[in-house]
């Protein structure tokens, strides 16, 4: 069973930076696409970024050039570096293990979620 454990997040002012990490169980880390979704209050969960085992990446248009997803295969962990944060980035961020492209094919494996709040 794939387990996803997130860390990071918190409160930051607009224009600031935050980093999230997601540690995945080793079993499927090398097989599935790992990435991030987010859900703001009153809105549907939306794709943020994804990365394949080979390092191919995909981003939502709203975060391109501001967010960077990466992975450390030795630690079965992915990272999301978020720069130039905006109030509209405020949401609960969820790690997901699924298929390529992750934006269209999230898997049934979700982390517990971590809150990111950007103040204006």
C-alpha atoms as a PDB file:
ATOM      1  CA  UNK A   1       0.000   0.000   0.000  1.00  0.00           C
ATOM      2  CA  UNK A   2       1.325   3.413  -0.953  1.00  0.00           C
ATOM      3  CA  UNK A   3       1.587   5.812   1.909  1.00  0.00           C
ATOM      4  CA  UNK A   4       2.167   9.492   1.427  1.00  0.00           C
ATOM      5  CA  UNK A   5       3.309  11.711   4.279  1.00  0.00           C
ATOM      6  CA  UNK A   6       3.429  15.440   3.705  1.00  0.00           C
ATOM      7  CA  UNK A   7       5.306  18.110   5.587  1.00  0.00           C
ATOM      8  CA  UNK A   8       5.881  21.806   5.215  1.00  0.00           C
ATOM      9  CA  UNK A   9       3.326  24.475   4.573  1.00  0.00           C
ATOM     10  CA  UNK A  10       2.317  27.251   6.911  1.00  0.00           C
ATOM     11  CA  UNK A  11       1.639  30.968   6.778  1.00  0.00           C
ATOM     12  CA  UNK A  12       3.548  33.375   4.568  1.00  0.00           C
ATOM     13  CA  UNK A  13       3.049  36.857   3.185  1.00  0.00           C
ATOM     14  CA  UNK A  14       2.365  37.422  -0.475  1.00  0.00           C
ATOM     15  CA  UNK A  15       5.574  37.294  -2.474  1.00  0.00           C
ATOM     16  CA  UNK A  16       7.171  34.889  -0.047  1.00  0.00           C
ATOM     17  CA  UNK A  17       8.231  31.267  -0.410  1.00  0.00           C
ATOM     18  CA  UNK A  18       7.361  27.932   1.116  1.00  0.00           C
ATOM     19  CA  UNK A  19       8.483  24.386   0.545  1.00  0.00           C
ATOM     20  CA  UNK A  20       6.449  21.200   0.803  1.00  0.00           C
ATOM     21  CA  UNK A  21       7.694  17.647   0.879  1.00  0.00           C
ATOM     22  CA  UNK A  22       5.994  14.302   0.436  1.00  0.00           C
ATOM     23  CA  UNK A  23       7.585  11.043   1.495  1.00  0.00           C
ATOM     24  CA  UNK A  24       6.209   8.001  -0.282  1.00  0.00           C
ATOM     25  CA  UNK A  25       6.515   4.346   0.563  1.00  0.00           C
ATOM     26  CA  UNK A  26       9.251   2.722  -1.459  1.00  0.00           C
ATOM     27  CA  UNK A  27       7.076   0.072  -3.037  1.00  0.00           C
ATOM     28  CA  UNK A  28       5.498   2.188  -5.716  1.00  0.00           C
ATOM     29  CA  UNK A  29       7.565   5.351  -5.571  1.00  0.00           C
ATOM     30  CA  UNK A  30       9.576   4.299  -8.615  1.00  0.00           C
ATOM     31  CA  UNK A  31       6.466   3.355 -10.599  1.00  0.00           C
ATOM     32  CA  UNK A  32       3.785   5.938 -10.042  1.00  0.00           C
ATOM     33  CA  UNK A  33       3.753   9.614 -10.883  1.00  0.00           C
ATOM     34  CA  UNK A  34       3.852  11.662  -7.697  1.00  0.00           C
ATOM     35  CA  UNK A  35       2.607  15.192  -7.405  1.00  0.00           C
ATOM     36  CA  UNK A  36       0.422  17.769  -5.773  1.00  0.00           C
ATOM     37  CA  UNK A  37      -3.176  18.844  -5.854  1.00  0.00           C
ATOM     38  CA  UNK A  38      -4.728  21.644  -3.831  1.00  0.00           C
ATOM     39  CA  UNK A  39      -8.167  22.559  -2.611  1.00  0.00           C
ATOM     40  CA  UNK A  40      -9.231  26.010  -1.567  1.00  0.00           C
ATOM     41  CA  UNK A  41     -12.353  26.577   0.553  1.00  0.00           C
ATOM     42  CA  UNK A  42     -15.474  26.238  -1.534  1.00  0.00           C
ATOM     43  CA  UNK A  43     -13.563  25.078  -4.604  1.00  0.00           C
ATOM     44  CA  UNK A  44     -12.828  21.786  -6.272  1.00  0.00           C
ATOM     45  CA  UNK A  45      -9.514  20.059  -5.825  1.00  0.00           C
ATOM     46  CA  UNK A  46      -7.164  21.079  -8.626  1.00  0.00           C
ATOM     47  CA  UNK A  47      -3.906  19.810 -10.058  1.00  0.00           C
ATOM     48  CA  UNK A  48      -0.738  21.719  -9.184  1.00  0.00           C
ATOM     49  CA  UNK A  49       2.306  19.759 -10.356  1.00  0.00           C
ATOM     50  CA  UNK A  50       3.523  16.249 -11.043  1.00  0.00           C
ATOM     51  CA  UNK A  51       6.802  14.445 -11.635  1.00  0.00           C
ATOM     52  CA  UNK A  52       7.536  11.035 -13.141  1.00  0.00           C
ATOM     53  CA  UNK A  53      10.102   8.536 -11.991  1.00  0.00           C
ATOM     54  CA  UNK A  54      12.258   9.721 -14.871  1.00  0.00           C
ATOM     55  CA  UNK A  55      12.028  13.334 -13.811  1.00  0.00           C
ATOM     56  CA  UNK A  56       9.521  14.644 -16.355  1.00  0.00           C
ATOM     57  CA  UNK A  57       7.442  17.421 -14.856  1.00  0.00           C
ATOM     58  CA  UNK A  58       4.088  19.026 -15.467  1.00  0.00           C
ATOM     59  CA  UNK A  59       2.564  22.145 -13.956  1.00  0.00           C
ATOM     60  CA  UNK A  60      -0.756  23.892 -13.845  1.00  0.00           C
ATOM     61  CA  UNK A  61      -0.646  27.141 -15.793  1.00  0.00           C
ATOM     62  CA  UNK A  62      -1.408  29.082 -12.631  1.00  0.00           C
ATOM     63  CA  UNK A  63       1.844  28.007 -10.968  1.00  0.00           C
ATOM     64  CA  UNK A  64       4.259  27.743 -13.899  1.00  0.00           C
ATOM     65  CA  UNK A  65       7.430  29.775 -13.409  1.00  0.00           C
ATOM     66  CA  UNK A  66       6.666  30.113  -9.680  1.00  0.00           C
ATOM     67  CA  UNK A  67       6.583  26.541  -8.395  1.00  0.00           C
ATOM     68  CA  UNK A  68       9.206  23.838  -8.902  1.00  0.00           C
ATOM     69  CA  UNK A  69       8.661  20.150  -8.294  1.00  0.00           C
ATOM     70  CA  UNK A  70      11.600  17.825  -7.749  1.00  0.00           C
ATOM     71  CA  UNK A  71      12.335  14.410  -6.334  1.00  0.00           C
ATOM     72  CA  UNK A  72      15.013  12.652  -4.341  1.00  0.00           C
ATOM     73  CA  UNK A  73      14.906   9.007  -5.325  1.00  0.00           C
ATOM     74  CA  UNK A  74      17.270   8.020  -2.519  1.00  0.00           C
ATOM     75  CA  UNK A  75      14.713   9.240   0.013  1.00  0.00           C
ATOM     76  CA  UNK A  76      11.517   8.371  -1.880  1.00  0.00           C
ATOM     77  CA  UNK A  77      10.542  12.000  -1.443  1.00  0.00           C
ATOM     78  CA  UNK A  78       9.253  14.749  -3.685  1.00  0.00           C
ATOM     79  CA  UNK A  79       9.446  18.453  -3.038  1.00  0.00           C
ATOM     80  CA  UNK A  80       7.440  21.468  -4.102  1.00  0.00           C
ATOM     81  CA  UNK A  81       9.266  24.777  -3.918  1.00  0.00           C
ATOM     82  CA  UNK A  82       6.742  27.595  -4.064  1.00  0.00           C
ATOM     83  CA  UNK A  83       8.002  31.083  -4.809  1.00  0.00           C
ATOM     84  CA  UNK A  84       6.247  34.390  -5.415  1.00  0.00           C
ATOM     85  CA  UNK A  85       3.240  33.119  -3.525  1.00  0.00           C
ATOM     86  CA  UNK A  86      -0.102  34.818  -4.016  1.00  0.00           C
ATOM     87  CA  UNK A  87      -3.195  34.903  -1.795  1.00  0.00           C
ATOM     88  CA  UNK A  88      -4.952  32.741  -4.378  1.00  0.00           C
ATOM     89  CA  UNK A  89      -2.421  29.982  -3.668  1.00  0.00           C
ATOM     90  CA  UNK A  90      -4.036  29.569  -0.254  1.00  0.00           C
ATOM     91  CA  UNK A  91      -5.343  26.021  -0.021  1.00  0.00           C
ATOM     92  CA  UNK A  92      -4.831  22.623   1.507  1.00  0.00           C
ATOM     93  CA  UNK A  93      -2.164  20.903  -0.556  1.00  0.00           C
ATOM     94  CA  UNK A  94      -2.412  17.149  -1.046  1.00  0.00           C
ATOM     95  CA  UNK A  95       0.244  14.763  -2.262  1.00  0.00           C
ATOM     96  CA  UNK A  96      -1.019  12.234  -4.792  1.00  0.00           C
ATOM     97  CA  UNK A  97       0.378   9.108  -6.435  1.00  0.00           C
ATOM     98  CA  UNK A  98      -1.140   8.380  -9.795  1.00  0.00           C
ATOM     99  CA  UNK A  99      -0.461   8.182 -13.499  1.00  0.00           C
ATOM    100  CA  UNK A 100       0.822  10.368 -16.300  1.00  0.00           C
ATOM    101  CA  UNK A 101      -0.426  12.939 -16.876  1.00  0.00           C
ATOM    102  CA  UNK A 102      -1.255  13.412 -13.241  1.00  0.00           C
ATOM    103  CA  UNK A 103      -3.531  16.344 -14.043  1.00  0.00           C
ATOM    104  CA  UNK A 104      -5.914  13.951 -15.788  1.00  0.00           C
ATOM    105  CA  UNK A 105      -5.256  10.697 -13.954  1.00  0.00           C
ATOM    106  CA  UNK A 106      -4.759  11.132 -10.228  1.00  0.00           C
ATOM    107  CA  UNK A 107      -4.500   7.888  -8.358  1.00  0.00           C
ATOM    108  CA  UNK A 108      -6.395   6.793  -5.319  1.00  0.00           C
ATOM    109  CA  UNK A 109      -3.453   7.462  -3.030  1.00  0.00           C
ATOM    110  CA  UNK A 110      -3.608  10.736  -1.141  1.00  0.00           C
ATOM    111  CA  UNK A 111      -1.667  12.310   1.679  1.00  0.00           C
ATOM    112  CA  UNK A 112      -3.366  13.861   4.678  1.00  0.00           C
ATOM    113  CA  UNK A 113      -3.011  17.395   3.335  1.00  0.00           C
ATOM    114  CA  UNK A 114      -1.064  20.394   4.566  1.00  0.00           C
ATOM    115  CA  UNK A 115      -2.334  23.953   4.850  1.00  0.00           C
ATOM    116  CA  UNK A 116      -0.707  26.769   2.926  1.00  0.00           C
ATOM    117  CA  UNK A 117      -1.949  30.255   3.742  1.00  0.00           C
ATOM    118  CA  UNK A 118      -0.751  33.341   1.902  1.00  0.00           C
ATOM    119  CA  UNK A 119      -1.676  36.668   3.435  1.00  0.00           C
ATOM    120  CA  UNK A 120      -2.037  39.799   1.365  1.00  0.00           C
END
